[in-house]
Amino acid sequence: MAEEHQDINTEWQQIKDSVLNAATEVIQNENKKLWNEWWNDECRKAMEEKNLARMKCINRRTSINQNDYMQKRKIANGICKRKKREWLNDKIKQIEEANRQN
């Protein structure tokens, strides 16, 4: 019974590899497009700080913890909004420049 189980796993692995290889040849790999190209380390760090403050607020609900969380949330949202706005403005400038050059 153990040999049958190994044979089935071996056959399954061969079938899986064959299908993946065929799909790779036919479809080829596509590079993933970043959804949030504006996201960077500054945004990530601000979100981590906000999440830590949130966990602290959930674990011990005091007015100091709540105020700290709300302040860090406001800061994180502001950073992310600013980064996204800057990225969008740069994209718009690139598009306008490309349109002028035609």
Protein backbone atom coordinates (compact mmCIF):
# COMPACT_ATOMS: atom_id res chain seq x y z
CA MET A 1 0.00 0.00 0.00
CA ALA A 2 2.87 2.37 0.76
CA GLU A 3 4.36 1.73 -2.70
CA GLU A 4 1.02 2.56 -4.36
CA HIS A 5 0.85 5.79 -2.39
CA GLN A 6 4.38 6.75 -3.49
CA ASP A 7 3.62 5.82 -7.11
CA ILE A 8 0.49 7.95 -7.10
CA ASN A 9 2.40 10.91 -5.64
CA THR A 10 5.19 10.44 -8.19
CA GLU A 11 2.72 10.26 -11.08
CA TRP A 12 0.83 13.29 -9.77
CA GLN A 13 4.07 15.29 -9.52
CA GLN A 14 5.00 14.34 -13.11
CA ILE A 15 1.56 15.36 -14.40
CA LYS A 16 1.70 18.63 -12.46
CA ASP A 17 5.19 19.44 -13.78
CA SER A 18 4.12 18.65 -17.35
CA VAL A 19 1.07 20.91 -17.16
CA LEU A 20 3.08 23.76 -15.59
CA ASN A 21 5.84 23.45 -18.20
CA ALA A 22 3.31 23.44 -21.05
CA ALA A 23 1.52 26.46 -19.60
CA THR A 24 4.82 28.32 -19.19
CA GLU A 25 5.76 27.65 -22.82
CA VAL A 26 2.39 28.65 -24.23
CA ILE A 27 1.40 31.52 -21.95
CA GLN A 28 4.84 32.59 -20.77
CA ASN A 29 5.43 34.50 -17.59
CA GLU A 30 3.92 37.92 -17.13
CA ASN A 31 5.56 40.37 -14.82
CA LYS A 32 3.21 41.37 -12.07
CA LYS A 33 2.20 44.99 -12.25
CA LEU A 34 2.45 46.77 -8.94
CA TRP A 35 -0.92 48.08 -7.90
CA ASN A 36 0.54 50.56 -5.50
CA GLU A 37 3.63 51.88 -7.20
CA TRP A 38 3.62 54.81 -4.80
CA TRP A 39 3.95 52.52 -1.75
CA ASN A 40 7.43 52.75 -0.21
CA ASP A 41 9.30 52.16 3.05
CA GLU A 42 8.02 55.39 4.59
CA CYS A 43 4.40 54.27 4.07
CA ARG A 44 5.17 50.77 5.34
CA LYS A 45 6.88 52.09 8.48
CA ALA A 46 4.02 54.49 9.27
CA MET A 47 1.48 51.68 8.84
CA GLU A 48 3.47 49.36 11.09
CA GLU A 49 3.58 52.02 13.81
CA LYS A 50 -0.16 52.61 13.42
CA ASN A 51 -0.88 48.88 13.62
CA LEU A 52 1.24 48.51 16.76
CA ALA A 53 -0.60 51.42 18.37
CA ARG A 54 -3.89 49.79 17.37
CA MET A 55 -2.95 46.48 18.95
CA LYS A 56 -1.90 48.32 22.11
CA CYS A 57 -5.23 50.16 22.11
CA ILE A 58 -7.17 46.91 21.65
CA ASN A 59 -5.27 45.13 24.42
CA ARG A 60 -5.60 47.97 26.90
CA ARG A 61 -8.29 50.48 26.14
CA THR A 62 -7.23 53.70 27.81
CA SER A 63 -7.70 57.24 26.61
CA ILE A 64 -3.93 57.65 26.17
CA ASN A 65 -3.72 54.54 23.98
CA GLN A 66 -6.74 55.62 21.97
CA ASN A 67 -5.33 59.12 21.41
CA ASP A 68 -1.95 57.67 20.43
CA TYR A 69 -3.63 55.32 17.94
CA MET A 70 -5.75 58.09 16.45
CA GLN A 71 -2.70 60.35 16.06
CA LYS A 72 -0.61 57.61 14.38
CA ARG A 73 -3.55 56.70 12.16
CA LYS A 74 -3.87 60.31 11.02
CA ILE A 75 -0.12 60.50 10.35
CA ALA A 76 -0.07 57.21 8.41
CA ASN A 77 -3.08 58.18 6.29
CA GLY A 78 -1.53 61.58 5.58
CA ILE A 79 1.77 60.05 4.46
CA CYS A 80 0.02 57.55 2.19
CA LYS A 81 -2.25 60.20 0.69
CA ARG A 82 0.72 62.50 0.06
CA LYS A 83 2.77 59.75 -1.59
CA LYS A 84 -0.14 58.72 -3.79
CA ARG A 85 -0.86 62.33 -4.78
CA GLU A 86 2.81 62.91 -5.67
CA TRP A 87 2.89 59.70 -7.71
CA LEU A 88 -0.30 60.66 -9.57
CA ASN A 89 1.02 64.17 -10.31
CA ASP A 90 4.25 62.66 -11.68
CA LYS A 91 2.23 60.29 -13.89
CA ILE A 92 0.14 63.18 -15.18
CA LYS A 93 3.28 65.18 -15.97
CA GLN A 94 4.77 62.20 -17.82
CA ILE A 95 1.59 61.77 -19.86
CA GLU A 96 1.42 65.47 -20.68
CA GLU A 97 5.08 65.50 -21.71
CA ALA A 98 4.58 62.43 -23.92
CA ASN A 99 1.52 64.08 -25.46
CA ARG A 100 3.50 67.27 -26.23
CA GLN A 101 6.31 65.26 -27.85
CA ASN A 102 3.73 63.15 -29.70
